[in-house]
PDB file of N, CA and C in Angstrom:
ATOM      1  N   MET A   1      99.955  53.747  29.634  1.00  0.00           N
ATOM      2  CA  MET A   1     100.945  52.777  29.992  1.00  0.00           C
ATOM      3  C   MET A   1     100.289  51.386  29.953  1.00  0.00           C
ATOM      4  N   THR A   2     100.985  50.463  29.337  1.00  0.00           N
ATOM      5  CA  THR A   2     100.432  49.112  29.215  1.00  0.00           C
ATOM      6  C   THR A   2     100.663  48.327  30.507  1.00  0.00           C
ATOM      7  N   LEU A   3      99.975  47.244  30.599  1.00  0.00           N
ATOM      8  CA  LEU A   3     100.124  46.381  31.769  1.00  0.00           C
ATOM      9  C   LEU A   3     101.550  45.846  31.871  1.00  0.00           C
ATOM     10  N   GLU A   4     102.129  45.505  30.743  1.00  0.00           N
ATOM     11  CA  GLU A   4     103.497  44.987  30.720  1.00  0.00           C
ATOM     12  C   GLU A   4     104.496  46.036  31.225  1.00  0.00           C
ATOM     13  N   GLU A   5     104.340  47.284  30.799  1.00  0.00           N
ATOM     14  CA  GLU A   5     105.219  48.359  31.264  1.00  0.00           C
ATOM     15  C   GLU A   5     105.056  48.586  32.764  1.00  0.00           C
ATOM     16  N   THR A   6     103.831  48.553  33.221  1.00  0.00           N
ATOM     17  CA  THR A   6     103.563  48.720  34.647  1.00  0.00           C
ATOM     18  C   THR A   6     104.225  47.610  35.446  1.00  0.00           C
ATOM     19  N   MET A   7     104.121  46.395  34.965  1.00  0.00           N
ATOM     20  CA  MET A   7     104.742  45.252  35.651  1.00  0.00           C
ATOM     21  C   MET A   7     106.272  45.395  35.688  1.00  0.00           C
ATOM     22  N   ARG A   8     106.869  45.879  34.600  1.00  0.00           N
ATOM     23  CA  ARG A   8     108.324  46.093  34.573  1.00  0.00           C
ATOM     24  C   ARG A   8     108.734  47.159  35.587  1.00  0.00           C
ATOM     25  N   ARG A   9     107.950  48.230  35.680  1.00  0.00           N
ATOM     26  CA  ARG A   9     108.249  49.288  36.661  1.00  0.00           C
ATOM     27  C   ARG A   9     108.173  48.736  38.078  1.00  0.00           C
ATOM     28  N   ILE A  10     107.151  47.945  38.352  1.00  0.00           N
ATOM     29  CA  ILE A  10     107.005  47.343  39.685  1.00  0.00           C
ATOM     30  C   ILE A  10     108.174  46.420  39.975  1.00  0.00           C
ATOM     31  N   GLU A  11     108.565  45.625  38.989  1.00  0.00           N
ATOM     32  CA  GLU A  11     109.685  44.694  39.174  1.00  0.00           C
ATOM     33  C   GLU A  11     110.982  45.446  39.474  1.00  0.00           C
ATOM     34  N   ARG A  12     111.244  46.544  38.757  1.00  0.00           N
ATOM     35  CA  ARG A  12     112.452  47.344  39.008  1.00  0.00           C
ATOM     36  C   ARG A  12     112.435  47.926  40.423  1.00  0.00           C
ATOM     37  N   LYS A  13     111.280  48.420  40.862  1.00  0.00           N
ATOM     38  CA  LYS A  13     111.174  48.977  42.208  1.00  0.00           C
ATOM     39  C   LYS A  13     111.407  47.900  43.258  1.00  0.00           C
ATOM     40  N   LEU A  14     110.847  46.728  43.044  1.00  0.00           N
ATOM     41  CA  LEU A  14     111.054  45.626  43.994  1.00  0.00           C
ATOM     42  C   LEU A  14     112.527  45.198  44.043  1.00  0.00           C
ATOM     43  N   GLU A  15     113.182  45.182  42.891  1.00  0.00           N
ATOM     44  CA  GLU A  15     114.610  44.840  42.867  1.00  0.00           C
ATOM     45  C   GLU A  15     115.423  45.867  43.639  1.00  0.00           C
ATOM     46  N   LYS A  16     115.078  47.144  43.514  1.00  0.00           N
ATOM     47  CA  LYS A  16     115.786  48.187  44.258  1.00  0.00           C
ATOM     48  C   LYS A  16     115.546  48.034  45.759  1.00  0.00           C
ATOM     49  N   ILE A  17     114.320  47.750  46.142  1.00  0.00           N
ATOM     50  CA  ILE A  17     114.012  47.545  47.566  1.00  0.00           C
ATOM     51  C   ILE A  17     114.803  46.360  48.100  1.00  0.00           C
ATOM     52  N   GLU A  18     114.844  45.282  47.334  1.00  0.00           N
ATOM     53  CA  GLU A  18     115.596  44.100  47.759  1.00  0.00           C
ATOM     54  C   GLU A  18     117.083  44.415  47.906  1.00  0.00           C
ATOM     55  N   ALA A  19     117.643  45.178  46.970  1.00  0.00           N
ATOM     56  CA  ALA A  19     119.056  45.559  47.057  1.00  0.00           C
ATOM     57  C   ALA A  19     119.303  46.435  48.289  1.00  0.00           C
ATOM     58  N   ASP A  20     118.402  47.370  48.565  1.00  0.00           N
ATOM     59  CA  ASP A  20     118.541  48.224  49.751  1.00  0.00           C
ATOM     60  C   ASP A  20     118.501  47.400  51.031  1.00  0.00           C
ATOM     61  N   ILE A  21     117.587  46.441  51.094  1.00  0.00           N
ATOM     62  CA  ILE A  21     117.483  45.584  52.279  1.00  0.00           C
ATOM     63  C   ILE A  21     118.745  44.758  52.451  1.00  0.00           C
ATOM     64  N   ASN A  22     119.258  44.193  51.363  1.00  0.00           N
ATOM     65  CA  ASN A  22     120.480  43.391  51.449  1.00  0.00           C
ATOM     66  C   ASN A  22     121.668  44.232  51.899  1.00  0.00           C
ATOM     67  N   GLU A  23     121.751  45.463  51.397  1.00  0.00           N
ATOM     68  CA  GLU A  23     122.827  46.359  51.817  1.00  0.00           C
ATOM     69  C   GLU A  23     122.702  46.686  53.306  1.00  0.00           C
ATOM     70  N   MET A  24     121.465  46.955  53.752  1.00  0.00           N
ATOM     71  CA  MET A  24     121.234  47.262  55.155  1.00  0.00           C
ATOM     72  C   MET A  24     121.621  46.070  56.033  1.00  0.00           C
ATOM     73  N   LYS A  25     121.255  44.867  55.607  1.00  0.00           N
ATOM     74  CA  LYS A  25     121.607  43.668  56.371  1.00  0.00           C
ATOM     75  C   LYS A  25     123.116  43.521  56.489  1.00  0.00           C
ATOM     76  N   SER A  26     123.826  43.702  55.384  1.00  0.00           N
ATOM     77  CA  SER A  26     125.274  43.526  55.434  1.00  0.00           C
ATOM     78  C   SER A  26     125.935  44.584  56.310  1.00  0.00           C
ATOM     79  N   ARG A  27     125.439  45.806  56.267  1.00  0.00           N
ATOM     80  CA  ARG A  27     126.005  46.849  57.124  1.00  0.00           C
ATOM     81  C   ARG A  27     125.676  46.602  58.591  1.00  0.00           C
ATOM     82  N   MET A  28     124.490  46.089  58.865  1.00  0.00           N
ATOM     83  CA  MET A  28     124.143  45.793  60.255  1.00  0.00           C
ATOM     84  C   MET A  28     124.992  44.648  60.783  1.00  0.00           C
ATOM     85  N   LEU A  29     125.337  43.700  59.932  1.00  0.00           N
ATOM     86  CA  LEU A  29     126.209  42.610  60.356  1.00  0.00           C
ATOM     87  C   LEU A  29     127.596  43.134  60.702  1.00  0.00           C
ATOM     88  N   GLU A  30     128.049  44.172  59.990  1.00  0.00           N
ATOM     89  CA  GLU A  30     129.347  44.771  60.270  1.00  0.00           C
ATOM     90  C   GLU A  30     129.319  45.625  61.538  1.00  0.00           C
ATOM     91  N   SER A  31     128.158  46.140  61.897  1.00  0.00           N
ATOM     92  CA  SER A  31     128.021  47.023  63.054  1.00  0.00           C
ATOM     93  C   SER A  31     127.920  46.179  64.311  1.00  0.00           C
ATOM     94  N   THR A  32     128.913  46.284  65.148  1.00  0.00           N
ATOM     95  CA  THR A  32     128.901  45.481  66.359  1.00  0.00           C
ATOM     96  C   THR A  32     128.984  46.368  67.580  1.00  0.00           C
ATOM     97  N   LYS A  33     128.525  45.815  68.669  1.00  0.00           N
ATOM     98  CA  LYS A  33     128.615  46.489  69.951  1.00  0.00           C
ATOM     99  C   LYS A  33     130.055  46.430  70.423  1.00  0.00           C
ATOM    100  N   PRO A  34     130.382  47.202  71.461  1.00  0.00           N
ATOM    101  CA  PRO A  34     131.736  47.157  71.994  1.00  0.00           C
ATOM    102  C   PRO A  34     132.173  45.752  72.424  1.00  0.00           C
ATOM    103  N   ASN A  35     131.264  44.909  72.889  1.00  0.00           N
ATOM    104  CA  ASN A  35     131.656  43.563  73.298  1.00  0.00           C
ATOM    105  C   ASN A  35     131.666  42.581  72.139  1.00  0.00           C
ATOM    106  N   GLY A  36     131.472  43.058  70.920  1.00  0.00           N
ATOM    107  CA  GLY A  36     131.562  42.224  69.741  1.00  0.00           C
ATOM    108  C   GLY A  36     130.264  41.553  69.319  1.00  0.00           C
ATOM    109  N   ARG A  37     129.177  41.716  70.059  1.00  0.00           N
ATOM    110  CA  ARG A  37     127.898  41.105  69.701  1.00  0.00           C
ATOM    111  C   ARG A  37     127.245  41.922  68.600  1.00  0.00           C
ATOM    112  N   PRO A  38     126.808  41.294  67.515  1.00  0.00           N
ATOM    113  CA  PRO A  38     126.200  42.057  66.421  1.00  0.00           C
ATOM    114  C   PRO A  38     124.910  42.745  66.844  1.00  0.00           C
ATOM    115  N   LEU A  39     124.636  43.869  66.208  1.00  0.00           N
ATOM    116  CA  LEU A  39     123.423  44.636  66.489  1.00  0.00           C
ATOM    117  C   LEU A  39     122.170  43.796  66.259  1.00  0.00           C
ATOM    118  N   PHE A  40     122.182  42.953  65.223  1.00  0.00           N
ATOM    119  CA  PHE A  40     120.983  42.164  64.927  1.00  0.00           C
ATOM    120  C   PHE A  40     120.695  41.121  66.002  1.00  0.00           C
ATOM    121  N   SER A  41     121.625  40.867  66.903  1.00  0.00           N
ATOM    122  CA  SER A  41     121.386  39.870  67.943  1.00  0.00           C
ATOM    123  C   SER A  41     120.607  40.441  69.133  1.00  0.00           C
ATOM    124  N   LEU A  42     120.286  41.726  69.082  1.00  0.00           N
ATOM    125  CA  LEU A  42     119.468  42.315  70.137  1.00  0.00           C
ATOM    126  C   LEU A  42     118.070  41.718  70.114  1.00  0.00           C
ATOM    127  N   PRO A  43     117.394  41.688  71.252  1.00  0.00           N
ATOM    128  CA  PRO A  43     115.986  41.271  71.246  1.00  0.00           C
ATOM    129  C   PRO A  43     115.172  42.213  70.356  1.00  0.00           C
ATOM    130  N   ASP A  44     114.076  41.711  69.821  1.00  0.00           N
ATOM    131  CA  ASP A  44     113.264  42.487  68.871  1.00  0.00           C
ATOM    132  C   ASP A  44     112.871  43.853  69.408  1.00  0.00           C
ATOM    133  N   HIS A  45     112.443  43.922  70.682  1.00  0.00           N
ATOM    134  CA  HIS A  45     111.972  45.202  71.213  1.00  0.00           C
ATOM    135  C   HIS A  45     113.098  46.234  71.277  1.00  0.00           C
ATOM    136  N   LEU A  46     114.321  45.809  71.608  1.00  0.00           N
ATOM    137  CA  LEU A  46     115.445  46.748  71.646  1.00  0.00           C
ATOM    138  C   LEU A  46     115.945  47.079  70.246  1.00  0.00           C
ATOM    139  N   ARG A  47     115.908  46.103  69.349  1.00  0.00           N
ATOM    140  CA  ARG A  47     116.333  46.359  67.970  1.00  0.00           C
ATOM    141  C   ARG A  47     115.412  47.398  67.328  1.00  0.00           C
ATOM    142  N   LYS A  48     114.103  47.313  67.582  1.00  0.00           N
ATOM    143  CA  LYS A  48     113.158  48.293  67.029  1.00  0.00           C
ATOM    144  C   LYS A  48     113.475  49.694  67.548  1.00  0.00           C
ATOM    145  N   THR A  49     113.812  49.795  68.824  1.00  0.00           N
ATOM    146  CA  THR A  49     114.185  51.093  69.397  1.00  0.00           C
ATOM    147  C   THR A  49     115.482  51.600  68.781  1.00  0.00           C
ATOM    148  N   ALA A  50     116.468  50.713  68.620  1.00  0.00           N
ATOM    149  CA  ALA A  50     117.748  51.107  68.019  1.00  0.00           C
ATOM    150  C   ALA A  50     117.545  51.601  66.588  1.00  0.00           C
ATOM    151  N   ILE A  51     116.703  50.923  65.838  1.00  0.00           N
ATOM    152  CA  ILE A  51     116.432  51.350  64.461  1.00  0.00           C
ATOM    153  C   ILE A  51     115.682  52.685  64.454  1.00  0.00           C
ATOM    154  N   GLY A  52     114.761  52.870  65.403  1.00  0.00           N
ATOM    155  CA  GLY A  52     114.081  54.153  65.523  1.00  0.00           C
ATOM    156  C   GLY A  52     115.057  55.280  65.804  1.00  0.00           C
ATOM    157  N   LEU A  53     116.041  55.010  66.651  1.00  0.00           N
ATOM    158  CA  LEU A  53     117.059  56.024  66.951  1.00  0.00           C
ATOM    159  C   LEU A  53     117.943  56.266  65.731  1.00  0.00           C
ATOM    160  N   MET A  54     118.214  55.215  64.961  1.00  0.00           N
ATOM    161  CA  MET A  54     118.995  55.394  63.726  1.00  0.00           C
ATOM    162  C   MET A  54     118.273  56.343  62.778  1.00  0.00           C
ATOM    163  N   LYS A  55     116.956  56.224  62.721  1.00  0.00           N
ATOM    164  CA  LYS A  55     116.182  57.085  61.823  1.00  0.00           C
ATOM    165  C   LYS A  55     116.266  58.548  62.229  1.00  0.00           C
ATOM    166  N   VAL A  56     116.167  58.822  63.538  1.00  0.00           N
ATOM    167  CA  VAL A  56     116.186  60.219  63.979  1.00  0.00           C
ATOM    168  C   VAL A  56     117.596  60.725  64.224  1.00  0.00           C
ATOM    169  N   ARG A  57     118.556  59.809  64.287  1.00  0.00           N
ATOM    170  CA  ARG A  57     119.980  60.092  64.521  1.00  0.00           C
ATOM    171  C   ARG A  57     120.275  60.581  65.940  1.00  0.00           C
ATOM    172  N   GLN A  58     119.517  61.532  66.413  1.00  0.00           N
ATOM    173  CA  GLN A  58     119.708  62.064  67.761  1.00  0.00           C
ATOM    174  C   GLN A  58     118.381  62.659  68.203  1.00  0.00           C
ATOM    175  N   GLY A  59     117.940  62.307  69.415  1.00  0.00           N
ATOM    176  CA  GLY A  59     116.672  62.863  69.858  1.00  0.00           C
ATOM    177  C   GLY A  59     116.228  62.301  71.189  1.00  0.00           C
ATOM    178  N   THR A  60     115.082  62.752  71.618  1.00  0.00           N
ATOM    179  CA  THR A  60     114.503  62.337  72.893  1.00  0.00           C
ATOM    180  C   THR A  60     113.732  61.029  72.717  1.00  0.00           C
ATOM    181  N   ALA A  61     113.282  60.484  73.839  1.00  0.00           N
ATOM    182  CA  ALA A  61     112.445  59.287  73.785  1.00  0.00           C
ATOM    183  C   ALA A  61     111.166  59.576  73.002  1.00  0.00           C
ATOM    184  N   SER A  62     110.660  60.799  73.093  1.00  0.00           N
ATOM    185  CA  SER A  62     109.466  61.180  72.315  1.00  0.00           C
ATOM    186  C   SER A  62     109.737  61.109  70.821  1.00  0.00           C
ATOM    187  N   ASP A  63     110.914  61.586  70.405  1.00  0.00           N
ATOM    188  CA  ASP A  63     111.273  61.530  68.986  1.00  0.00           C
ATOM    189  C   ASP A  63     111.332  60.086  68.497  1.00  0.00           C
ATOM    190  N   VAL A  64     111.949  59.226  69.293  1.00  0.00           N
ATOM    191  CA  VAL A  64     112.061  57.815  68.917  1.00  0.00           C
ATOM    192  C   VAL A  64     110.681  57.161  68.904  1.00  0.00           C
ATOM    193  N   SER A  65     109.829  57.530  69.864  1.00  0.00           N
ATOM    194  CA  SER A  65     108.500  56.918  69.932  1.00  0.00           C
ATOM    195  C   SER A  65     107.669  57.268  68.696  1.00  0.00           C
ATOM    196  N   LYS A  66     107.858  58.454  68.139  1.00  0.00           N
ATOM    197  CA  LYS A  66     107.150  58.821  66.910  1.00  0.00           C
ATOM    198  C   LYS A  66     107.595  57.932  65.748  1.00  0.00           C
ATOM    199  N   SER A  67     108.871  57.572  65.764  1.00  0.00           N
ATOM    200  CA  SER A  67     109.411  56.720  64.714  1.00  0.00           C
ATOM    201  C   SER A  67     108.950  55.271  64.851  1.00  0.00           C
ATOM    202  N   THR A  68     108.840  54.781  66.081  1.00  0.00           N
ATOM    203  CA  THR A  68     108.490  53.372  66.305  1.00  0.00           C
ATOM    204  C   THR A  68     106.996  53.146  66.476  1.00  0.00           C
ATOM    205  N   GLY A  69     106.258  54.197  66.835  1.00  0.00           N
ATOM    206  CA  GLY A  69     104.825  54.049  67.076  1.00  0.00           C
ATOM    207  C   GLY A  69     104.495  53.506  68.456  1.00  0.00           C
ATOM    208  N   ARG A  70     105.494  53.458  69.340  1.00  0.00           N
ATOM    209  CA  ARG A  70     105.248  52.983  70.705  1.00  0.00           C
ATOM    210  C   ARG A  70     105.217  54.181  71.662  1.00  0.00           C
ATOM    211  N   ALA A  71     104.782  53.937  72.887  1.00  0.00           N
ATOM    212  CA  ALA A  71     104.663  55.002  73.888  1.00  0.00           C
ATOM    213  C   ALA A  71     106.031  55.560  74.268  1.00  0.00           C
ATOM    214  N   ARG A  72     106.059  56.849  74.606  1.00  0.00           N
ATOM    215  CA  ARG A  72     107.300  57.505  75.000  1.00  0.00           C
ATOM    216  C   ARG A  72     107.944  56.811  76.191  1.00  0.00           C
ATOM    217  N   ALA A  73     107.143  56.443  77.196  1.00  0.00           N
ATOM    218  CA  ALA A  73     107.683  55.801  78.396  1.00  0.00           C
ATOM    219  C   ALA A  73     108.354  54.467  78.059  1.00  0.00           C
ATOM    220  N   VAL A  74     107.768  53.736  77.134  1.00  0.00           N
ATOM    221  CA  VAL A  74     108.353  52.456  76.700  1.00  0.00           C
ATOM    222  C   VAL A  74     109.707  52.707  76.052  1.00  0.00           C
ATOM    223  N   GLU A  75     109.751  53.667  75.134  1.00  0.00           N
ATOM    224  CA  GLU A  75     111.005  53.976  74.440  1.00  0.00           C
ATOM    225  C   GLU A  75     112.059  54.502  75.411  1.00  0.00           C
ATOM    226  N   SER A  76     111.644  55.282  76.379  1.00  0.00           N
ATOM    227  CA  SER A  76     112.590  55.782  77.375  1.00  0.00           C
ATOM    228  C   SER A  76     113.268  54.623  78.103  1.00  0.00           C
ATOM    229  N   GLY A  77     112.485  53.644  78.521  1.00  0.00           N
ATOM    230  CA  GLY A  77     113.046  52.486  79.192  1.00  0.00           C
ATOM    231  C   GLY A  77     113.986  51.698  78.294  1.00  0.00           C
ATOM    232  N   TYR A  78     113.587  51.502  77.042  1.00  0.00           N
ATOM    233  CA  TYR A  78     114.419  50.744  76.111  1.00  0.00           C
ATOM    234  C   TYR A  78     115.701  51.498  75.763  1.00  0.00           C
ATOM    235  N   LEU A  79     115.604  52.824  75.600  1.00  0.00           N
ATOM    236  CA  LEU A  79     116.802  53.616  75.321  1.00  0.00           C
ATOM    237  C   LEU A  79     117.783  53.553  76.493  1.00  0.00           C
ATOM    238  N   ASN A  80     117.255  53.577  77.708  1.00  0.00           N
ATOM    239  CA  ASN A  80     118.130  53.451  78.871  1.00  0.00           C
ATOM    240  C   ASN A  80     118.798  52.081  78.916  1.00  0.00           C
ATOM    241  N   GLN A  81     118.079  51.029  78.518  1.00  0.00           N
ATOM    242  CA  GLN A  81     118.687  49.696  78.450  1.00  0.00           C
ATOM    243  C   GLN A  81     119.812  49.666  77.416  1.00  0.00           C
ATOM    244  N   LEU A  82     119.562  50.269  76.256  1.00  0.00           N
ATOM    245  CA  LEU A  82     120.593  50.322  75.216  1.00  0.00           C
ATOM    246  C   LEU A  82     121.800  51.133  75.678  1.00  0.00           C
ATOM    247  N   GLU A  83     121.544  52.158  76.471  1.00  0.00           N
ATOM    248  CA  GLU A  83     122.646  52.963  77.001  1.00  0.00           C
ATOM    249  C   GLU A  83     123.496  52.132  77.962  1.00  0.00           C
ATOM    250  N   ARG A  84     122.854  51.359  78.830  1.00  0.00           N
ATOM    251  CA  ARG A  84     123.589  50.501  79.759  1.00  0.00           C
ATOM    252  C   ARG A  84     124.407  49.439  79.031  1.00  0.00           C
ATOM    253  N   GLN A  85     123.935  49.025  77.861  1.00  0.00           N
ATOM    254  CA  GLN A  85     124.658  48.021  77.074  1.00  0.00           C
ATOM    255  C   GLN A  85     125.777  48.631  76.237  1.00  0.00           C
ATOM    256  N   GLY A  86     125.878  49.939  76.214  1.00  0.00           N
ATOM    257  CA  GLY A  86     126.955  50.598  75.485  1.00  0.00           C
ATOM    258  C   GLY A  86     126.642  50.920  74.033  1.00  0.00           C
ATOM    259  N   LEU A  87     125.413  50.739  73.595  1.00  0.00           N
ATOM    260  CA  LEU A  87     125.050  51.059  72.212  1.00  0.00           C
ATOM    261  C   LEU A  87     124.661  52.511  72.029  1.00  0.00           C
ATOM    262  N   VAL A  88     124.158  53.125  73.079  1.00  0.00           N
ATOM    263  CA  VAL A  88     123.589  54.474  73.021  1.00  0.00           C
ATOM    264  C   VAL A  88     124.251  55.319  74.096  1.00  0.00           C
ATOM    265  N   ARG A  89     124.358  56.604  73.805  1.00  0.00           N
ATOM    266  CA  ARG A  89     124.826  57.556  74.828  1.00  0.00           C
ATOM    267  C   ARG A  89     123.764  58.631  74.971  1.00  0.00           C
ATOM    268  N   SER A  90     123.838  59.370  76.049  1.00  0.00           N
ATOM    269  CA  SER A  90     122.854  60.429  76.257  1.00  0.00           C
ATOM    270  C   SER A  90     123.511  61.625  76.926  1.00  0.00           C
ATOM    271  N   PHE A  91     122.840  62.760  76.821  1.00  0.00           N
ATOM    272  CA  PHE A  91     123.250  63.969  77.525  1.00  0.00           C
ATOM    273  C   PHE A  91     122.002  64.770  77.833  1.00  0.00           C
ATOM    274  N   ARG A  92     122.129  65.667  78.764  1.00  0.00           N
ATOM    275  CA  ARG A  92     120.997  66.498  79.178  1.00  0.00           C
ATOM    276  C   ARG A  92     121.036  67.830  78.452  1.00  0.00           C
ATOM    277  N   ASP A  93     119.859  68.273  78.032  1.00  0.00           N
ATOM    278  CA  ASP A  93     119.654  69.606  77.468  1.00  0.00           C
ATOM    279  C   ASP A  93     118.516  70.208  78.270  1.00  0.00           C
ATOM    280  N   GLY A  94     118.865  70.836  79.390  1.00  0.00           N
ATOM    281  CA  GLY A  94     117.841  71.299  80.312  1.00  0.00           C
ATOM    282  C   GLY A  94     117.184  70.096  80.944  1.00  0.00           C
ATOM    283  N   ARG A  95     115.875  69.983  80.802  1.00  0.00           N
ATOM    284  CA  ARG A  95     115.151  68.838  81.356  1.00  0.00           C
ATOM    285  C   ARG A  95     115.100  67.657  80.398  1.00  0.00           C
ATOM    286  N   ARG A  96     115.439  67.910  79.146  1.00  0.00           N
ATOM    287  CA  ARG A  96     115.351  66.848  78.129  1.00  0.00           C
ATOM    288  C   ARG A  96     116.596  65.967  78.136  1.00  0.00           C
ATOM    289  N   LYS A  97     116.389  64.670  77.961  1.00  0.00           N
ATOM    290  CA  LYS A  97     117.495  63.724  77.822  1.00  0.00           C
ATOM    291  C   LYS A  97     117.582  63.364  76.345  1.00  0.00           C
ATOM    292  N   ILE A  98     118.704  63.694  75.738  1.00  0.00           N
ATOM    293  CA  ILE A  98     118.914  63.480  74.311  1.00  0.00           C
ATOM    294  C   ILE A  98     119.756  62.217  74.131  1.00  0.00           C
ATOM    295  N   PHE A  99     119.300  61.315  73.279  1.00  0.00           N
ATOM    296  CA  PHE A  99     119.991  60.059  73.005  1.00  0.00           C
ATOM    297  C   PHE A  99     120.600  60.095  71.607  1.00  0.00           C
ATOM    298  N   SER A 100     121.719  59.413  71.454  1.00  0.00           N
ATOM    299  CA  SER A 100     122.320  59.227  70.137  1.00  0.00           C
ATOM    300  C   SER A 100     123.107  57.923  70.151  1.00  0.00           C
ATOM    301  N   LEU A 101     123.434  57.450  68.961  1.00  0.00           N
ATOM    302  CA  LEU A 101     124.220  56.229  68.856  1.00  0.00           C
ATOM    303  C   LEU A 101     125.657  56.496  69.283  1.00  0.00           C
ATOM    304  N   GLN A 102     126.315  55.477  69.791  1.00  0.00           N
ATOM    305  CA  GLN A 102     127.728  55.607  70.116  1.00  0.00           C
ATOM    306  C   GLN A 102     128.497  55.882  68.826  1.00  0.00           C
ATOM    307  N   GLU A 103     129.566  56.632  68.918  1.00  0.00           N
ATOM    308  CA  GLU A 103     130.343  57.027  67.744  1.00  0.00           C
ATOM    309  C   GLU A 103     130.791  55.832  66.918  1.00  0.00           C
ATOM    310  N   ASN A 104     131.316  54.797  67.564  1.00  0.00           N
ATOM    311  CA  ASN A 104     131.853  53.667  66.810  1.00  0.00           C
ATOM    312  C   ASN A 104     130.766  52.925  66.039  1.00  0.00           C
ATOM    313  N   LEU A 105     129.513  53.055  66.432  1.00  0.00           N
ATOM    314  CA  LEU A 105     128.426  52.413  65.694  1.00  0.00           C
ATOM    315  C   LEU A 105     127.873  53.304  64.607  1.00  0.00           C
ATOM    316  N   SER A 106     127.709  54.587  64.902  1.00  0.00           N
ATOM    317  CA  SER A 106     127.039  55.471  63.950  1.00  0.00           C
ATOM    318  C   SER A 106     127.829  55.622  62.656  1.00  0.00           C
ATOM    319  N   ASP A 107     129.154  55.420  62.687  1.00  0.00           N
ATOM    320  CA  ASP A 107     129.943  55.504  61.470  1.00  0.00           C
ATOM    321  C   ASP A 107     129.606  54.391  60.488  1.00  0.00           C
ATOM    322  N   ARG A 108     129.143  53.237  61.015  1.00  0.00           N
ATOM    323  CA  ARG A 108     128.968  52.071  60.165  1.00  0.00           C
ATOM    324  C   ARG A 108     127.521  51.665  59.982  1.00  0.00           C
ATOM    325  N   ILE A 109     126.589  52.440  60.487  1.00  0.00           N
ATOM    326  CA  ILE A 109     125.174  52.087  60.360  1.00  0.00           C
ATOM    327  C   ILE A 109     124.602  52.764  59.129  1.00  0.00           C
ATOM    328  N   PRO A 110     123.885  52.033  58.280  1.00  0.00           N
ATOM    329  CA  PRO A 110     123.380  52.617  57.049  1.00  0.00           C
ATOM    330  C   PRO A 110     122.326  53.674  57.306  1.00  0.00           C
ATOM    331  N   GLU A 111     122.206  54.569  56.371  1.00  0.00           N
ATOM    332  CA  GLU A 111     121.149  55.584  56.411  1.00  0.00           C
ATOM    333  C   GLU A 111     119.819  54.862  56.248  1.00  0.00           C
ATOM    334  N   ILE A 112     118.910  55.071  57.186  1.00  0.00           N
ATOM    335  CA  ILE A 112     117.597  54.440  57.116  1.00  0.00           C
ATOM    336  C   ILE A 112     116.671  55.371  56.366  1.00  0.00           C
ATOM    337  N   ARG A 113     116.058  54.861  55.311  1.00  0.00           N
ATOM    338  CA  ARG A 113     115.146  55.689  54.499  1.00  0.00           C
ATOM    339  C   ARG A 113     113.716  55.420  54.887  1.00  0.00           C
ATOM    340  N   GLU A 114     112.892  56.437  54.827  1.00  0.00           N
ATOM    341  CA  GLU A 114     111.447  56.290  55.108  1.00  0.00           C
ATOM    342  C   GLU A 114     110.796  55.558  53.962  1.00  0.00           C
TER     343      GLU A 114
END
């Protein structure tokens, strides 16, 4: 493969990444909380937790912490904050607390790819 072909392949991949990011941004702008505040207006620490939950779709604070790279206790606190704000819901499965996005949000949130 020549250098020119390699550069074209890289350029195509970058264009696809840019298109995916733009699509994700537009869908996040459409996704609003029950009080009408956009998801992107969350503080960075809560937005990172929300995106981690989007990746796992449904799971414990441990599951989200694996996605975000932060401690389980930190994610547990942030998930509880998101629940109080109406973005997240939870239920008990024995001793485990399972979190998921609220129905009205999960319908409009883009699939997050690894």
